[in-house]
Full PDB file with SEQRES, HELIX, SHEET, SSBOND, CRYST1, ORIGX, SCALE, CONECT and MASTER records, all heavy atoms in Angstrom:
SEQRES   1 A   35  PRO GLY ALA MET ASP PHE ALA LEU TYR PRO THR VAL ASP          
SEQRES   2 A   35  VAL ILE GLY ARG ASP ARG LEU LYS ASP ALA TYR LEU CYS          
SEQRES   3 A   35  ARG SER LEU ALA GLU ALA GLY ALA PRO                          
HELIX    1 AA1 THR A   11  ILE A   15  1                                   5    
HELIX    2 AA2 ARG A   17  ASP A   22  5                                   6    
HELIX    3 AA3 ARG A   27  GLU A   31  1                                   5    
CRYST1    1.000    1.000    1.000  90.00  90.00  90.00 P 1           1          
ORIGX1      1.000000  0.000000  0.000000        0.00000                         
ORIGX2      0.000000  1.000000  0.000000        0.00000                         
ORIGX3      0.000000  0.000000  1.000000        0.00000                         
SCALE1      1.000000  0.000000  0.000000        0.00000                         
SCALE2      0.000000  1.000000  0.000000        0.00000                         
SCALE3      0.000000  0.000000  1.000000        0.00000                         
ATOM      1  N   PRO A   1      13.396  12.918  -4.659  1.00  0.00           N  
ATOM      2  CA  PRO A   1      14.857  12.687  -4.564  1.00  0.00           C  
ATOM      3  C   PRO A   1      15.597  13.959  -4.136  1.00  0.00           C  
ATOM      4  O   PRO A   1      15.353  14.995  -4.736  1.00  0.00           O  
ATOM      5  CB  PRO A   1      15.240  12.154  -5.912  1.00  0.00           C  
ATOM      6  CG  PRO A   1      13.995  11.597  -6.465  1.00  0.00           C  
ATOM      7  CD  PRO A   1      12.899  12.462  -5.992  1.00  0.00           C  
ATOM      8  N   GLY A   2      16.382  13.829  -3.152  1.00  0.00           N  
ATOM      9  CA  GLY A   2      17.148  14.972  -2.633  1.00  0.00           C  
ATOM     10  C   GLY A   2      16.424  15.751  -1.591  1.00  0.00           C  
ATOM     11  O   GLY A   2      17.048  16.598  -0.912  1.00  0.00           O  
ATOM     12  N   ALA A   3      15.158  15.496  -1.344  1.00  0.00           N  
ATOM     13  CA  ALA A   3      14.412  16.310  -0.392  1.00  0.00           C  
ATOM     14  C   ALA A   3      14.644  15.808   1.054  1.00  0.00           C  
ATOM     15  O   ALA A   3      14.709  16.644   2.003  1.00  0.00           O  
ATOM     16  CB  ALA A   3      12.908  16.272  -0.633  1.00  0.00           C  
ATOM     17  N   MET A   4      14.812  14.481   1.286  1.00  0.00           N  
ATOM     18  CA  MET A   4      15.027  14.006   2.635  1.00  0.00           C  
ATOM     19  C   MET A   4      15.995  12.844   2.579  1.00  0.00           C  
ATOM     20  O   MET A   4      17.224  13.077   2.477  1.00  0.00           O  
ATOM     21  CB  MET A   4      13.683  13.562   3.219  1.00  0.00           C  
ATOM     22  CG  MET A   4      13.729  13.491   4.771  1.00  0.00           C  
ATOM     23  SD  MET A   4      12.065  13.320   5.526  1.00  0.00           S  
ATOM     24  CE  MET A   4      11.893  11.564   5.564  1.00  0.00           C  
ATOM     25  N   ASP A   5      15.519  11.573   2.604  1.00  0.00           N  
ATOM     26  CA  ASP A   5      16.451  10.473   2.711  1.00  0.00           C  
ATOM     27  C   ASP A   5      16.782   9.819   1.334  1.00  0.00           C  
ATOM     28  O   ASP A   5      17.787   9.085   1.226  1.00  0.00           O  
ATOM     29  CB  ASP A   5      15.886   9.384   3.580  1.00  0.00           C  
ATOM     30  CG  ASP A   5      15.756   9.812   5.066  1.00  0.00           C  
ATOM     31  OD1 ASP A   5      16.536  10.671   5.426  1.00  0.00           O  
ATOM     32  OD2 ASP A   5      14.909   9.278   5.740  1.00  0.00           O  
ATOM     33  N   PHE A   6      16.006  10.103   0.305  1.00  0.00           N  
ATOM     34  CA  PHE A   6      16.226   9.520  -0.995  1.00  0.00           C  
ATOM     35  C   PHE A   6      17.222  10.338  -1.791  1.00  0.00           C  
ATOM     36  O   PHE A   6      17.048  11.495  -2.014  1.00  0.00           O  
ATOM     37  CB  PHE A   6      14.907   9.345  -1.780  1.00  0.00           C  
ATOM     38  CG  PHE A   6      13.952   8.392  -1.197  1.00  0.00           C  
ATOM     39  CD1 PHE A   6      12.624   8.339  -1.623  1.00  0.00           C  
ATOM     40  CD2 PHE A   6      14.281   7.560  -0.147  1.00  0.00           C  
ATOM     41  CE1 PHE A   6      11.729   7.430  -1.095  1.00  0.00           C  
ATOM     42  CE2 PHE A   6      13.366   6.624   0.427  1.00  0.00           C  
ATOM     43  CZ  PHE A   6      12.073   6.640  -0.142  1.00  0.00           C  
ATOM     44  N   ALA A   7      18.260   9.646  -2.256  1.00  0.00           N  
ATOM     45  CA  ALA A   7      19.292  10.356  -3.048  1.00  0.00           C  
ATOM     46  C   ALA A   7      18.744  10.699  -4.407  1.00  0.00           C  
ATOM     47  O   ALA A   7      17.791  10.166  -4.923  1.00  0.00           O  
ATOM     48  CB  ALA A   7      20.494   9.435  -3.217  1.00  0.00           C  
ATOM     49  N   LEU A   8      19.428  11.695  -5.050  1.00  0.00           N  
ATOM     50  CA  LEU A   8      19.022  12.087  -6.407  1.00  0.00           C  
ATOM     51  C   LEU A   8      19.162  10.960  -7.406  1.00  0.00           C  
ATOM     52  O   LEU A   8      18.321  10.794  -8.324  1.00  0.00           O  
ATOM     53  CB  LEU A   8      19.833  13.284  -6.888  1.00  0.00           C  
ATOM     54  CG  LEU A   8      19.542  14.647  -6.178  1.00  0.00           C  
ATOM     55  CD1 LEU A   8      20.606  15.651  -6.596  1.00  0.00           C  
ATOM     56  CD2 LEU A   8      18.133  15.121  -6.634  1.00  0.00           C  
ATOM     57  N   TYR A   9      20.216  10.152  -7.231  1.00  0.00           N  
ATOM     58  CA  TYR A   9      20.493   9.099  -8.231  1.00  0.00           C  
ATOM     59  C   TYR A   9      20.285   7.763  -7.586  1.00  0.00           C  
ATOM     60  O   TYR A   9      20.479   7.566  -6.422  1.00  0.00           O  
ATOM     61  CB  TYR A   9      21.956   9.299  -8.715  1.00  0.00           C  
ATOM     62  CG  TYR A   9      22.143  10.623  -9.344  1.00  0.00           C  
ATOM     63  CD1 TYR A   9      22.769  11.684  -8.647  1.00  0.00           C  
ATOM     64  CD2 TYR A   9      21.807  10.850 -10.675  1.00  0.00           C  
ATOM     65  CE1 TYR A   9      22.958  12.939  -9.212  1.00  0.00           C  
ATOM     66  CE2 TYR A   9      22.009  12.090 -11.245  1.00  0.00           C  
ATOM     67  CZ  TYR A   9      22.563  13.119 -10.527  1.00  0.00           C  
ATOM     68  OH  TYR A   9      22.743  14.328 -11.097  1.00  0.00           O  
ATOM     69  N   PRO A  10      19.806   6.793  -8.339  1.00  0.00           N  
ATOM     70  CA  PRO A  10      19.648   6.795  -9.818  1.00  0.00           C  
ATOM     71  C   PRO A  10      18.325   7.335 -10.295  1.00  0.00           C  
ATOM     72  O   PRO A  10      18.080   7.414 -11.523  1.00  0.00           O  
ATOM     73  CB  PRO A  10      19.749   5.292 -10.130  1.00  0.00           C  
ATOM     74  CG  PRO A  10      19.122   4.636  -8.986  1.00  0.00           C  
ATOM     75  CD  PRO A  10      19.478   5.423  -7.785  1.00  0.00           C  
ATOM     76  N   THR A  11      17.414   7.797  -9.406  1.00  0.00           N  
ATOM     77  CA  THR A  11      16.052   8.121  -9.883  1.00  0.00           C  
ATOM     78  C   THR A  11      16.051   9.165 -10.939  1.00  0.00           C  
ATOM     79  O   THR A  11      15.259   8.991 -11.934  1.00  0.00           O  
ATOM     80  CB  THR A  11      15.228   8.578  -8.638  1.00  0.00           C  
ATOM     81  OG1 THR A  11      15.312   7.594  -7.603  1.00  0.00           O  
ATOM     82  CG2 THR A  11      13.794   8.724  -8.986  1.00  0.00           C  
ATOM     83  N   VAL A  12      16.799  10.274 -10.773  1.00  0.00           N  
ATOM     84  CA  VAL A  12      16.664  11.329 -11.789  1.00  0.00           C  
ATOM     85  C   VAL A  12      17.153  10.870 -13.147  1.00  0.00           C  
ATOM     86  O   VAL A  12      16.693  11.350 -14.185  1.00  0.00           O  
ATOM     87  CB  VAL A  12      17.394  12.616 -11.289  1.00  0.00           C  
ATOM     88  CG1 VAL A  12      16.716  13.147 -10.032  1.00  0.00           C  
ATOM     89  CG2 VAL A  12      18.850  12.375 -11.071  1.00  0.00           C  
ATOM     90  N   ASP A  13      18.094   9.946 -13.123  1.00  0.00           N  
ATOM     91  CA  ASP A  13      18.618   9.436 -14.391  1.00  0.00           C  
ATOM     92  C   ASP A  13      17.544   8.510 -15.094  1.00  0.00           C  
ATOM     93  O   ASP A  13      17.405   8.449 -16.284  1.00  0.00           O  
ATOM     94  CB  ASP A  13      19.893   8.634 -14.254  1.00  0.00           C  
ATOM     95  CG  ASP A  13      21.091   9.550 -14.004  1.00  0.00           C  
ATOM     96  OD1 ASP A  13      21.013  10.730 -14.345  1.00  0.00           O  
ATOM     97  OD2 ASP A  13      22.101   9.063 -13.509  1.00  0.00           O  
ATOM     98  N   VAL A  14      16.828   7.758 -14.259  1.00  0.00           N  
ATOM     99  CA  VAL A  14      15.827   6.889 -14.754  1.00  0.00           C  
ATOM    100  C   VAL A  14      14.716   7.690 -15.366  1.00  0.00           C  
ATOM    101  O   VAL A  14      14.117   7.360 -16.457  1.00  0.00           O  
ATOM    102  CB  VAL A  14      15.260   5.979 -13.643  1.00  0.00           C  
ATOM    103  CG1 VAL A  14      14.123   5.102 -14.162  1.00  0.00           C  
ATOM    104  CG2 VAL A  14      16.366   5.069 -13.145  1.00  0.00           C  
ATOM    105  N   ILE A  15      14.346   8.802 -14.706  1.00  0.00           N  
ATOM    106  CA  ILE A  15      13.268   9.678 -15.245  1.00  0.00           C  
ATOM    107  C   ILE A  15      13.771  10.415 -16.476  1.00  0.00           C  
ATOM    108  O   ILE A  15      13.042  10.545 -17.540  1.00  0.00           O  
ATOM    109  CB  ILE A  15      12.820  10.702 -14.150  1.00  0.00           C  
ATOM    110  CG1 ILE A  15      12.128   9.972 -13.046  1.00  0.00           C  
ATOM    111  CG2 ILE A  15      11.952  11.767 -14.781  1.00  0.00           C  
ATOM    112  CD1 ILE A  15      11.800  10.847 -11.860  1.00  0.00           C  
ATOM    113  N   GLY A  16      14.988  10.901 -16.458  1.00  0.00           N  
ATOM    114  CA  GLY A  16      15.515  11.721 -17.551  1.00  0.00           C  
ATOM    115  C   GLY A  16      15.464  13.180 -17.237  1.00  0.00           C  
ATOM    116  O   GLY A  16      14.479  13.677 -16.769  1.00  0.00           O  
ATOM    117  N   ARG A  17      16.596  13.852 -17.452  1.00  0.00           N  
ATOM    118  CA  ARG A  17      16.696  15.248 -17.033  1.00  0.00           C  
ATOM    119  C   ARG A  17      15.651  16.137 -17.715  1.00  0.00           C  
ATOM    120  O   ARG A  17      15.164  17.097 -17.100  1.00  0.00           O  
ATOM    121  CB  ARG A  17      18.091  15.761 -17.408  1.00  0.00           C  
ATOM    122  CG  ARG A  17      18.435  17.105 -16.829  1.00  0.00           C  
ATOM    123  CD  ARG A  17      19.945  17.406 -16.887  1.00  0.00           C  
ATOM    124  NE  ARG A  17      20.253  18.738 -16.425  1.00  0.00           N  
ATOM    125  CZ  ARG A  17      20.327  19.781 -17.149  1.00  0.00           C  
ATOM    126  NH1 ARG A  17      20.104  19.704 -18.503  1.00  0.00           N  
ATOM    127  NH2 ARG A  17      20.586  21.008 -16.595  1.00  0.00           N  
ATOM    128  N   ASP A  18      15.246  15.825 -18.916  1.00  0.00           N  
ATOM    129  CA  ASP A  18      14.272  16.673 -19.577  1.00  0.00           C  
ATOM    130  C   ASP A  18      12.895  16.501 -19.071  1.00  0.00           C  
ATOM    131  O   ASP A  18      11.990  17.321 -19.384  1.00  0.00           O  
ATOM    132  CB  ASP A  18      14.286  16.360 -21.121  1.00  0.00           C  
ATOM    133  CG  ASP A  18      13.861  14.951 -21.433  1.00  0.00           C  
ATOM    134  OD1 ASP A  18      14.155  14.049 -20.652  1.00  0.00           O  
ATOM    135  OD2 ASP A  18      13.264  14.712 -22.506  1.00  0.00           O  
ATOM    136  N   ARG A  19      12.623  15.475 -18.208  1.00  0.00           N  
ATOM    137  CA  ARG A  19      11.326  15.314 -17.643  1.00  0.00           C  
ATOM    138  C   ARG A  19      11.221  15.754 -16.161  1.00  0.00           C  
ATOM    139  O   ARG A  19      10.148  15.672 -15.591  1.00  0.00           O  
ATOM    140  CB  ARG A  19      10.834  13.818 -17.727  1.00  0.00           C  
ATOM    141  CG  ARG A  19      10.588  13.328 -19.099  1.00  0.00           C  
ATOM    142  CD  ARG A  19       9.497  14.124 -19.821  1.00  0.00           C  
ATOM    143  NE  ARG A  19       8.289  14.419 -19.083  1.00  0.00           N  
ATOM    144  CZ  ARG A  19       7.319  13.509 -18.913  1.00  0.00           C  
ATOM    145  NH1 ARG A  19       7.405  12.307 -19.457  1.00  0.00           N  
ATOM    146  NH2 ARG A  19       6.260  13.845 -18.184  1.00  0.00           N  
ATOM    147  N   LEU A  20      12.310  16.178 -15.641  1.00  0.00           N  
ATOM    148  CA  LEU A  20      12.328  16.508 -14.196  1.00  0.00           C  
ATOM    149  C   LEU A  20      11.434  17.669 -13.855  1.00  0.00           C  
ATOM    150  O   LEU A  20      10.946  17.828 -12.750  1.00  0.00           O  
ATOM    151  CB  LEU A  20      13.731  16.856 -13.700  1.00  0.00           C  
ATOM    152  CG  LEU A  20      14.686  15.666 -13.581  1.00  0.00           C  
ATOM    153  CD1 LEU A  20      16.125  16.124 -13.127  1.00  0.00           C  
ATOM    154  CD2 LEU A  20      14.159  14.653 -12.580  1.00  0.00           C  
ATOM    155  N   LYS A  21      11.151  18.505 -14.838  1.00  0.00           N  
ATOM    156  CA  LYS A  21      10.272  19.639 -14.658  1.00  0.00           C  
ATOM    157  C   LYS A  21       8.849  19.167 -14.359  1.00  0.00           C  
ATOM    158  O   LYS A  21       7.968  19.940 -13.832  1.00  0.00           O  
ATOM    159  CB  LYS A  21      10.238  20.577 -15.824  1.00  0.00           C  
ATOM    160  CG  LYS A  21       9.723  19.913 -17.165  1.00  0.00           C  
ATOM    161  CD  LYS A  21       9.780  20.864 -18.347  1.00  0.00           C  
ATOM    162  CE  LYS A  21       9.387  20.212 -19.629  1.00  0.00           C  
ATOM    163  NZ  LYS A  21       8.060  19.634 -19.622  1.00  0.00           N  
ATOM    164  N   ASP A  22       8.486  17.940 -14.728  1.00  0.00           N  
ATOM    165  CA  ASP A  22       7.193  17.351 -14.491  1.00  0.00           C  
ATOM    166  C   ASP A  22       7.165  16.340 -13.353  1.00  0.00           C  
ATOM    167  O   ASP A  22       6.159  15.637 -13.154  1.00  0.00           O  
ATOM    168  CB  ASP A  22       6.686  16.650 -15.763  1.00  0.00           C  
ATOM    169  CG  ASP A  22       6.741  17.552 -17.016  1.00  0.00           C  
ATOM    170  OD1 ASP A  22       6.353  18.701 -16.873  1.00  0.00           O  
ATOM    171  OD2 ASP A  22       7.117  17.071 -18.099  1.00  0.00           O  
ATOM    172  N   ALA A  23       8.248  16.295 -12.595  1.00  0.00           N  
ATOM    173  CA  ALA A  23       8.410  15.270 -11.586  1.00  0.00           C  
ATOM    174  C   ALA A  23       8.251  15.811 -10.196  1.00  0.00           C  
ATOM    175  O   ALA A  23       8.748  16.901  -9.869  1.00  0.00           O  
ATOM    176  CB  ALA A  23       9.711  14.563 -11.745  1.00  0.00           C  
ATOM    177  N   TYR A  24       7.575  15.043  -9.248  1.00  0.00           N  
ATOM    178  CA  TYR A  24       7.430  15.376  -7.889  1.00  0.00           C  
ATOM    179  C   TYR A  24       6.864  16.803  -7.672  1.00  0.00           C  
ATOM    180  O   TYR A  24       7.341  17.591  -6.898  1.00  0.00           O  
ATOM    181  CB  TYR A  24       8.735  15.202  -7.157  1.00  0.00           C  
ATOM    182  CG  TYR A  24       9.302  13.821  -7.324  1.00  0.00           C  
ATOM    183  CD1 TYR A  24      10.240  13.478  -8.280  1.00  0.00           C  
ATOM    184  CD2 TYR A  24       8.880  12.730  -6.477  1.00  0.00           C  
ATOM    185  CE1 TYR A  24      10.669  12.207  -8.488  1.00  0.00           C  
ATOM    186  CE2 TYR A  24       9.326  11.495  -6.683  1.00  0.00           C  
ATOM    187  CZ  TYR A  24      10.224  11.161  -7.636  1.00  0.00           C  
ATOM    188  OH  TYR A  24      10.661   9.931  -7.818  1.00  0.00           O  
ATOM    189  N   LEU A  25       5.831  17.084  -8.463  1.00  0.00           N  
ATOM    190  CA  LEU A  25       5.228  18.425  -8.311  1.00  0.00           C  
ATOM    191  C   LEU A  25       4.386  18.554  -7.081  1.00  0.00           C  
ATOM    192  O   LEU A  25       3.805  17.566  -6.563  1.00  0.00           O  
ATOM    193  CB  LEU A  25       4.332  18.649  -9.547  1.00  0.00           C  
ATOM    194  CG  LEU A  25       4.970  18.520 -10.905  1.00  0.00           C  
ATOM    195  CD1 LEU A  25       4.010  18.962 -12.009  1.00  0.00           C  
ATOM    196  CD2 LEU A  25       6.272  19.356 -11.004  1.00  0.00           C  
ATOM    197  N   CYS A  26       4.258  19.725  -6.572  1.00  0.00           N  
ATOM    198  CA  CYS A  26       3.389  20.023  -5.432  1.00  0.00           C  
ATOM    199  C   CYS A  26       2.745  21.350  -5.696  1.00  0.00           C  
ATOM    200  O   CYS A  26       1.546  21.481  -5.773  1.00  0.00           O  
ATOM    201  CB  CYS A  26       4.219  20.049  -4.142  1.00  0.00           C  
ATOM    202  SG  CYS A  26       3.255  20.339  -2.664  1.00  0.00           S  
ATOM    203  N   ARG A  27       3.524  22.413  -5.701  1.00  0.00           N  
ATOM    204  CA  ARG A  27       2.948  23.782  -5.902  1.00  0.00           C  
ATOM    205  C   ARG A  27       2.198  23.857  -7.204  1.00  0.00           C  
ATOM    206  O   ARG A  27       1.086  24.465  -7.224  1.00  0.00           O  
ATOM    207  CB  ARG A  27       4.142  24.752  -5.890  1.00  0.00           C  
ATOM    208  CG  ARG A  27       3.771  26.223  -6.241  1.00  0.00           C  
ATOM    209  CD  ARG A  27       5.008  27.085  -6.260  1.00  0.00           C  
ATOM    210  NE  ARG A  27       4.810  28.317  -6.947  1.00  0.00           N  
ATOM    211  CZ  ARG A  27       5.774  29.044  -7.497  1.00  0.00           C  
ATOM    212  NH1 ARG A  27       7.032  28.652  -7.368  1.00  0.00           N  
ATOM    213  NH2 ARG A  27       5.503  30.189  -8.103  1.00  0.00           N  
ATOM    214  N   SER A  28       2.661  23.233  -8.265  1.00  0.00           N  
ATOM    215  CA  SER A  28       1.982  23.289  -9.582  1.00  0.00           C  
ATOM    216  C   SER A  28       0.614  22.634  -9.435  1.00  0.00           C  
ATOM    217  O   SER A  28      -0.328  23.132 -10.046  1.00  0.00           O  
ATOM    218  CB  SER A  28       2.819  22.573 -10.635  1.00  0.00           C  
ATOM    219  OG  SER A  28       4.071  23.266 -10.857  1.00  0.00           O  
ATOM    220  N   LEU A  29       0.490  21.524  -8.706  1.00  0.00           N  
ATOM    221  CA  LEU A  29      -0.752  20.862  -8.538  1.00  0.00           C  
ATOM    222  C   LEU A  29      -1.738  21.734  -7.788  1.00  0.00           C  
ATOM    223  O   LEU A  29      -2.923  21.869  -8.061  1.00  0.00           O  
ATOM    224  CB  LEU A  29      -0.583  19.480  -7.876  1.00  0.00           C  
ATOM    225  CG  LEU A  29       0.418  18.516  -8.536  1.00  0.00           C  
ATOM    226  CD1 LEU A  29       0.420  17.228  -7.714  1.00  0.00           C  
ATOM    227  CD2 LEU A  29       0.061  18.268  -9.980  1.00  0.00           C  
ATOM    228  N   ALA A  30      -1.206  22.335  -6.650  1.00  0.00           N  
ATOM    229  CA  ALA A  30      -2.049  23.143  -5.807  1.00  0.00           C  
ATOM    230  C   ALA A  30      -2.560  24.405  -6.560  1.00  0.00           C  
ATOM    231  O   ALA A  30      -3.729  24.751  -6.426  1.00  0.00           O  
ATOM    232  CB  ALA A  30      -1.290  23.535  -4.531  1.00  0.00           C  
ATOM    233  N   GLU A  31      -1.669  25.022  -7.300  1.00  0.00           N  
ATOM    234  CA  GLU A  31      -2.063  26.210  -8.057  1.00  0.00           C  
ATOM    235  C   GLU A  31      -3.106  25.880  -9.101  1.00  0.00           C  
ATOM    236  O   GLU A  31      -3.894  26.781  -9.513  1.00  0.00           O  
ATOM    237  CB  GLU A  31      -0.860  26.844  -8.688  1.00  0.00           C  
ATOM    238  CG  GLU A  31       0.075  27.508  -7.657  1.00  0.00           C  
ATOM    239  CD  GLU A  31       1.333  28.114  -8.261  1.00  0.00           C  
ATOM    240  OE1 GLU A  31       1.641  27.832  -9.424  1.00  0.00           O  
ATOM    241  OE2 GLU A  31       2.033  28.859  -7.597  1.00  0.00           O  
ATOM    242  N   ALA A  32      -3.117  24.678  -9.531  1.00  0.00           N  
ATOM    243  CA  ALA A  32      -4.140  24.264 -10.511  1.00  0.00           C  
ATOM    244  C   ALA A  32      -5.430  23.822  -9.897  1.00  0.00           C  
ATOM    245  O   ALA A  32      -6.336  23.289 -10.580  1.00  0.00           O  
ATOM    246  CB  ALA A  32      -3.578  23.162 -11.446  1.00  0.00           C  
ATOM    247  N   GLY A  33      -5.526  23.875  -8.598  1.00  0.00           N  
ATOM    248  CA  GLY A  33      -6.759  23.594  -7.931  1.00  0.00           C  
ATOM    249  C   GLY A  33      -6.877  22.199  -7.289  1.00  0.00           C  
ATOM    250  O   GLY A  33      -7.945  21.867  -6.787  1.00  0.00           O  
ATOM    251  N   ALA A  34      -5.813  21.389  -7.334  1.00  0.00           N  
ATOM    252  CA  ALA A  34      -5.875  20.068  -6.683  1.00  0.00           C  
ATOM    253  C   ALA A  34      -5.803  20.213  -5.219  1.00  0.00           C  
ATOM    254  O   ALA A  34      -4.893  20.789  -4.677  1.00  0.00           O  
ATOM    255  CB  ALA A  34      -4.813  19.202  -7.276  1.00  0.00           C  
ATOM    256  N   PRO A  35      -6.729  19.570  -4.436  1.00  0.00           N  
ATOM    257  CA  PRO A  35      -6.609  19.519  -2.988  1.00  0.00           C  
ATOM    258  C   PRO A  35      -5.363  18.683  -2.651  1.00  0.00           C  
ATOM    259  O   PRO A  35      -5.103  17.664  -3.294  1.00  0.00           O  
ATOM    260  CB  PRO A  35      -7.876  18.773  -2.520  1.00  0.00           C  
ATOM    261  CG  PRO A  35      -8.828  18.867  -3.728  1.00  0.00           C  
ATOM    262  CD  PRO A  35      -7.990  18.966  -4.911  1.00  0.00           C  
TER     263      PRO A  35                                                      
MASTER        0    0    0    3    0    0    0    6  262    1    0    3          
END                                                                             
């Protein structure tokens, strides 16, 4: 959400602000060795 065509809301509210750190990860997955 917010990266291209999808708006931030309502998705970020459905997830919850305290869980956004775990949402839509990319760099974190790559750094942990995931192809």
